[in-house]
Every structure is written in C-alpha cells, then in structure tokens.
Amino acid sequence: MFLHLGSEVLVFQKDIIGIFDYNLIKKSRATKEFMEIAANEHLVIRGEEDKKIKSFIVTSKKIYLSPISADTLQKRVMSGNNNFFV
C-alpha cells in the first residue's frame, strides 16, 4: 500500500518508520540536529516550496516534508484510506 503525502508524493507504507509533527523540530534539540544532518546528506525531500510544512515522515531511505498534518497521515494509515485524490 501507498501513502499520499501531498505534493504528488507517494511512499510505500512498509517503508515508513515514523510520522511526526513538524513543530517537534523546534521543541527538540536532538530532532533538530537529526534533521540538519539529514539535510546535509541530501536525504530530506520537500514537495512544493510554497506550501506550509506540517509534518515530516521518516522512511527507510529518505525524510519527506509534507503539507498534510501528522494526525491526518496517521489516520490514513490506520484506516487504510489511501485515496490519492484527497
């Protein structure tokens, strides 16, 4: 199954390690450092530049920044709702 992350980005659900609120980066020094290292290693993927980032999704290969809230993405995973045209 795929999960639609917004900005025409789909990832395999089996590759997802975690879905997190983007504000966590501001609250946690460790998370901020993790994201800085990932960005320096070109592992962070951002969709459309003009959309506000609400969550970040850590997968086995990359980290995706999404305009969709972490709560909404988690609900999609739990409900099996993988409608690509949401």
Protein backbone atom coordinates (compact mmCIF):
# COMPACT_ATOMS: atom_id res chain seq x y z
CA MET A 1 0.00 0.00 0.00
CA PHE A 2 1.00 3.58 -0.65
CA LEU A 3 0.51 6.66 1.48
CA HIS A 4 -0.08 10.00 -0.23
CA LEU A 5 2.00 12.70 1.49
CA GLY A 6 0.74 15.63 -0.57
CA SER A 7 2.56 17.48 -3.35
CA GLU A 8 2.19 14.42 -5.60
CA VAL A 9 4.43 12.31 -3.35
CA LEU A 10 3.62 8.68 -2.56
CA VAL A 11 5.60 6.31 -0.34
CA PHE A 12 5.23 2.65 0.46
CA GLN A 13 3.65 2.28 3.90
CA LYS A 14 6.03 -0.57 4.69
CA ASP A 15 8.97 1.86 4.34
CA ILE A 16 7.60 4.34 6.91
CA ILE A 17 9.46 4.41 10.21
CA GLY A 18 7.57 7.33 11.73
CA ILE A 19 5.24 10.26 11.08
CA PHE A 20 5.94 13.36 13.16
CA ASP A 21 4.59 16.87 13.70
CA TYR A 22 6.94 19.42 12.14
CA ASN A 23 6.85 21.57 15.30
CA LEU A 24 8.82 18.82 17.05
CA ILE A 25 11.93 20.20 15.34
CA LYS A 26 11.54 23.45 17.26
CA LYS A 27 10.92 21.68 20.58
CA SER A 28 13.64 19.02 20.49
CA ARG A 29 17.32 19.78 20.04
CA ALA A 30 18.02 16.15 19.13
CA THR A 31 15.35 16.19 16.42
CA LYS A 32 16.69 19.47 15.06
CA GLU A 33 20.21 18.02 14.87
CA PHE A 34 18.88 14.85 13.22
CA MET A 35 17.12 16.93 10.54
CA GLU A 36 20.21 19.10 9.97
CA ILE A 37 22.39 16.02 9.43
CA ALA A 38 19.80 14.50 7.09
CA ALA A 39 19.57 17.76 5.10
CA ASN A 40 23.37 17.95 4.81
CA GLU A 41 23.37 14.42 3.43
CA HIS A 42 20.61 15.32 0.93
CA LEU A 43 18.12 12.91 2.49
CA VAL A 44 15.31 15.45 3.01
CA ILE A 45 12.70 15.74 0.26
CA ARG A 46 10.42 18.76 0.14
CA GLY A 47 7.44 18.90 -2.18
CA GLU A 48 6.11 22.26 -3.27
CA GLU A 49 8.08 25.17 -1.84
CA ASP A 50 5.06 27.44 -1.38
CA LYS A 51 3.14 25.09 0.94
CA LYS A 52 3.49 25.24 4.71
CA ILE A 53 5.15 22.15 6.17
CA LYS A 54 3.03 20.44 8.82
CA SER A 55 4.77 17.08 9.23
CA PHE A 56 7.83 15.06 8.40
CA ILE A 57 7.86 11.39 7.52
CA VAL A 58 10.93 9.26 8.18
CA THR A 59 11.28 6.31 5.84
CA SER A 60 13.99 3.72 5.44
CA LYS A 61 15.62 5.80 2.68
CA LYS A 62 14.56 9.46 2.92
CA ILE A 63 12.77 12.04 5.06
CA TYR A 64 9.78 13.72 3.44
CA LEU A 65 8.34 17.09 4.41
CA SER A 66 4.57 17.23 3.97
CA PRO A 67 1.88 19.92 3.92
CA ILE A 68 -0.51 17.37 5.48
CA SER A 69 -0.70 17.15 9.27
CA ALA A 70 0.83 14.19 11.09
CA ASP A 71 -2.59 13.39 12.60
CA THR A 72 -4.23 13.18 9.17
CA LEU A 73 -1.46 11.00 7.76
CA GLN A 74 -1.60 8.67 10.76
CA LYS A 75 -5.38 8.38 10.40
CA ARG A 76 -4.96 7.46 6.73
CA VAL A 77 -2.53 4.71 7.64
CA MET A 78 -4.73 3.35 10.43
CA SER A 79 -7.97 3.48 8.43
CA GLY A 80 -6.49 2.12 5.24
CA ASN A 81 -7.76 5.24 3.43
CA ASN A 82 -5.24 5.67 0.67
CA ASN A 83 -7.26 7.78 -1.68
CA PHE A 84 -4.68 9.55 -3.84
CA PHE A 85 -7.08 12.37 -4.70
CA VAL A 86 -7.75 13.63 -1.17
